[in-house]
């Protein structure tokens, strides 16, 4: 499971390394203001932060504390 997750993370990172400079070139060719370019690049980071927050909240609800788990046995 860990190996598959690491493989996916590596693949997404490599995809970002390809798409990022390409998108940057396209945005520079559009001659948009620099502020809009940075806002466009901030969107994936905001989506990733929201996804990590949702995952953290979901896993915190399903986790059973150690003291409660030992009392249940």
N, C-alpha and C. Protein backbone atom coordinates (compact mmCIF):
# COMPACT_ATOMS: atom_id res chain seq x y z
N UNK A 1 0.83 -1.18 0.00
CA UNK A 1 0.00 0.00 0.00
C UNK A 1 0.88 1.25 0.00
N UNK A 2 1.91 1.25 0.83
CA UNK A 2 2.79 2.42 0.91
C UNK A 2 3.53 2.63 -0.40
N UNK A 3 3.97 1.53 -0.99
CA UNK A 3 4.71 1.63 -2.26
C UNK A 3 3.85 2.18 -3.38
N UNK A 4 2.58 1.76 -3.41
CA UNK A 4 1.67 2.27 -4.44
C UNK A 4 1.42 3.77 -4.23
N UNK A 5 1.24 4.18 -2.99
CA UNK A 5 1.02 5.60 -2.71
C UNK A 5 2.23 6.43 -3.07
N UNK A 6 3.40 5.89 -2.78
CA UNK A 6 4.63 6.61 -3.13
C UNK A 6 4.80 6.70 -4.64
N UNK A 7 4.43 5.65 -5.34
CA UNK A 7 4.49 5.66 -6.80
C UNK A 7 3.55 6.70 -7.39
N UNK A 8 2.33 6.76 -6.85
CA UNK A 8 1.36 7.76 -7.33
C UNK A 8 1.87 9.17 -7.05
N UNK A 9 2.39 9.38 -5.86
CA UNK A 9 2.89 10.71 -5.50
C UNK A 9 4.03 11.12 -6.42
N UNK A 10 4.91 10.18 -6.71
CA UNK A 10 6.03 10.47 -7.61
C UNK A 10 5.53 10.78 -9.02
N UNK A 11 4.55 10.04 -9.48
CA UNK A 11 3.99 10.28 -10.81
C UNK A 11 3.31 11.64 -10.91
N UNK A 12 2.56 12.01 -9.89
CA UNK A 12 1.90 13.32 -9.89
C UNK A 12 2.95 14.43 -9.84
N UNK A 13 3.99 14.23 -9.07
CA UNK A 13 5.06 15.22 -9.00
C UNK A 13 5.76 15.40 -10.34
N UNK A 14 6.00 14.30 -11.02
CA UNK A 14 6.65 14.40 -12.33
C UNK A 14 5.72 15.06 -13.34
N UNK A 15 4.44 14.75 -13.25
CA UNK A 15 3.48 15.41 -14.15
C UNK A 15 3.46 16.91 -13.91
N UNK A 16 3.50 17.30 -12.64
CA UNK A 16 3.54 18.71 -12.31
C UNK A 16 4.81 19.38 -12.81
N UNK A 17 5.90 18.63 -12.80
CA UNK A 17 7.17 19.18 -13.29
C UNK A 17 7.14 19.39 -14.80
N UNK A 18 6.28 18.66 -15.49
CA UNK A 18 6.14 18.84 -16.94
C UNK A 18 5.13 19.94 -17.24
N UNK A 19 3.99 19.88 -16.56
CA UNK A 19 2.90 20.81 -16.85
C UNK A 19 3.22 22.23 -16.37
N UNK A 20 3.88 22.36 -15.22
CA UNK A 20 4.17 23.67 -14.66
C UNK A 20 4.90 24.62 -15.59
N UNK A 21 6.06 24.25 -16.09
CA UNK A 21 6.77 25.15 -17.01
C UNK A 21 6.01 25.38 -18.31
N UNK A 22 5.29 24.36 -18.78
CA UNK A 22 4.51 24.53 -20.00
C UNK A 22 3.40 25.55 -19.79
N UNK A 23 2.69 25.41 -18.67
CA UNK A 23 1.63 26.36 -18.35
C UNK A 23 2.20 27.76 -18.14
N UNK A 24 3.35 27.84 -17.51
CA UNK A 24 4.00 29.13 -17.33
C UNK A 24 4.31 29.80 -18.65
N UNK A 25 4.80 29.05 -19.60
CA UNK A 25 5.08 29.60 -20.93
C UNK A 25 3.81 30.08 -21.63
N UNK A 26 2.75 29.30 -21.50
CA UNK A 26 1.48 29.69 -22.12
C UNK A 26 0.95 30.97 -21.47
N UNK A 27 1.06 31.06 -20.15
CA UNK A 27 0.57 32.26 -19.46
C UNK A 27 1.40 33.48 -19.83
N UNK A 28 2.70 33.31 -19.96
CA UNK A 28 3.54 34.44 -20.38
C UNK A 28 3.21 34.86 -21.81
N UNK A 29 2.90 33.91 -22.67
CA UNK A 29 2.54 34.24 -24.05
C UNK A 29 1.21 34.99 -24.12
N UNK A 30 0.33 34.75 -23.15
CA UNK A 30 -0.96 35.45 -23.10
C UNK A 30 -0.81 36.88 -22.63
N UNK A 31 0.33 37.23 -22.09
CA UNK A 31 0.64 38.56 -21.58
C UNK A 31 -0.36 39.02 -20.52
N UNK A 32 -0.71 38.10 -19.63
CA UNK A 32 -1.57 38.44 -18.50
C UNK A 32 -0.74 39.18 -17.46
N UNK A 33 -1.41 39.94 -16.59
CA UNK A 33 -0.66 40.56 -15.50
C UNK A 33 -0.02 39.50 -14.61
N UNK A 34 1.12 39.82 -14.04
CA UNK A 34 1.86 38.87 -13.23
C UNK A 34 1.04 38.37 -12.05
N UNK A 35 0.20 39.23 -11.49
CA UNK A 35 -0.64 38.82 -10.35
C UNK A 35 -1.59 37.68 -10.75
N UNK A 36 -2.18 37.77 -11.93
CA UNK A 36 -3.09 36.72 -12.38
C UNK A 36 -2.34 35.42 -12.63
N UNK A 37 -1.12 35.52 -13.14
CA UNK A 37 -0.31 34.31 -13.34
C UNK A 37 -0.09 33.58 -12.02
N UNK A 38 0.26 34.32 -10.99
CA UNK A 38 0.50 33.70 -9.69
C UNK A 38 -0.78 33.14 -9.09
N UNK A 39 -1.90 33.81 -9.30
CA UNK A 39 -3.18 33.29 -8.81
C UNK A 39 -3.55 31.99 -9.51
N UNK A 40 -3.27 31.90 -10.79
CA UNK A 40 -3.55 30.67 -11.53
C UNK A 40 -2.69 29.53 -11.01
N UNK A 41 -1.42 29.81 -10.69
CA UNK A 41 -0.55 28.77 -10.16
C UNK A 41 -0.90 28.42 -8.71
N UNK A 42 -1.60 29.28 -8.00
CA UNK A 42 -1.99 29.00 -6.62
C UNK A 42 -3.19 28.07 -6.53
N UNK A 43 -3.96 27.96 -7.59
CA UNK A 43 -5.17 27.12 -7.56
C UNK A 43 -4.85 25.66 -7.23
N UNK A 44 -3.90 25.00 -7.91
CA UNK A 44 -3.60 23.60 -7.55
C UNK A 44 -3.12 23.45 -6.10
N UNK A 45 -2.36 24.41 -5.61
CA UNK A 45 -1.89 24.34 -4.22
C UNK A 45 -3.07 24.45 -3.25
N UNK A 46 -4.02 25.31 -3.56
CA UNK A 46 -5.20 25.45 -2.70
C UNK A 46 -6.06 24.19 -2.73
N UNK A 47 -6.20 23.58 -3.89
CA UNK A 47 -6.96 22.33 -4.00
C UNK A 47 -6.26 21.22 -3.22
N UNK A 48 -4.93 21.14 -3.31
CA UNK A 48 -4.19 20.13 -2.57
C UNK A 48 -4.31 20.35 -1.06
N UNK A 49 -4.25 21.60 -0.62
CA UNK A 49 -4.39 21.89 0.81
C UNK A 49 -5.78 21.51 1.30
N UNK A 50 -6.81 21.79 0.51
CA UNK A 50 -8.17 21.42 0.90
C UNK A 50 -8.32 19.91 0.96
N UNK A 51 -7.73 19.19 0.00
CA UNK A 51 -7.80 17.73 0.00
C UNK A 51 -7.11 17.14 1.22
N UNK A 52 -5.96 17.69 1.60
CA UNK A 52 -5.26 17.19 2.78
C UNK A 52 -6.06 17.47 4.06
N UNK A 53 -6.72 18.62 4.11
CA UNK A 53 -7.55 18.95 5.27
C UNK A 53 -8.73 17.99 5.38
N UNK A 54 -9.38 17.72 4.28
CA UNK A 54 -10.50 16.78 4.29
C UNK A 54 -10.02 15.39 4.70
N UNK A 55 -8.89 14.95 4.18
CA UNK A 55 -8.35 13.64 4.54
C UNK A 55 -7.99 13.58 6.02
N UNK A 56 -7.40 14.63 6.54
CA UNK A 56 -7.01 14.65 7.96
C UNK A 56 -8.24 14.61 8.85
N UNK A 57 -9.27 15.36 8.50
CA UNK A 57 -10.50 15.35 9.31
C UNK A 57 -11.20 14.00 9.24
N UNK A 58 -11.22 13.40 8.05
CA UNK A 58 -11.88 12.11 7.90
C UNK A 58 -11.14 11.01 8.66
N UNK A 59 -9.81 11.04 8.63
CA UNK A 59 -9.05 9.99 9.32
C UNK A 59 -9.07 10.22 10.83
N UNK A 60 -9.21 11.45 11.28
CA UNK A 60 -9.28 11.72 12.72
C UNK A 60 -10.57 11.18 13.32
N UNK A 61 -11.64 11.19 12.55
CA UNK A 61 -12.92 10.68 13.05
C UNK A 61 -12.95 9.16 13.13
N UNK A 62 -12.22 8.48 12.24
CA UNK A 62 -12.26 7.02 12.22
C UNK A 62 -11.23 6.39 13.14
N UNK A 63 -10.27 7.16 13.62
CA UNK A 63 -9.23 6.64 14.48
C UNK A 63 -9.76 6.42 15.89
N UNK A 64 -9.46 5.28 16.49
CA UNK A 64 -9.86 4.99 17.86
C UNK A 64 -8.66 5.24 18.76
N UNK A 65 -8.80 6.05 19.79
CA UNK A 65 -7.68 6.28 20.70
C UNK A 65 -7.20 4.99 21.36
N UNK A 66 -5.92 4.94 21.68
CA UNK A 66 -5.32 3.72 22.24
C UNK A 66 -5.96 3.37 23.59
N UNK A 67 -6.23 4.33 24.42
CA UNK A 67 -6.82 4.05 25.74
C UNK A 67 -8.20 3.45 25.60
N UNK A 68 -8.97 3.92 24.65
CA UNK A 68 -10.32 3.38 24.44
C UNK A 68 -10.22 1.98 23.84
N UNK A 69 -9.30 1.76 22.92
CA UNK A 69 -9.14 0.46 22.29
C UNK A 69 -8.76 -0.59 23.32
N UNK A 70 -7.88 -0.26 24.27
CA UNK A 70 -7.47 -1.23 25.27
C UNK A 70 -8.61 -1.49 26.27
N UNK A 71 -9.44 -0.50 26.52
CA UNK A 71 -10.57 -0.68 27.43
C UNK A 71 -11.64 -1.55 26.80
N UNK A 72 -11.74 -1.55 25.49
CA UNK A 72 -12.74 -2.35 24.81
C UNK A 72 -12.40 -3.83 24.79
N UNK A 73 -11.14 -4.16 24.97
CA UNK A 73 -10.71 -5.56 24.88
C UNK A 73 -11.00 -6.32 26.14
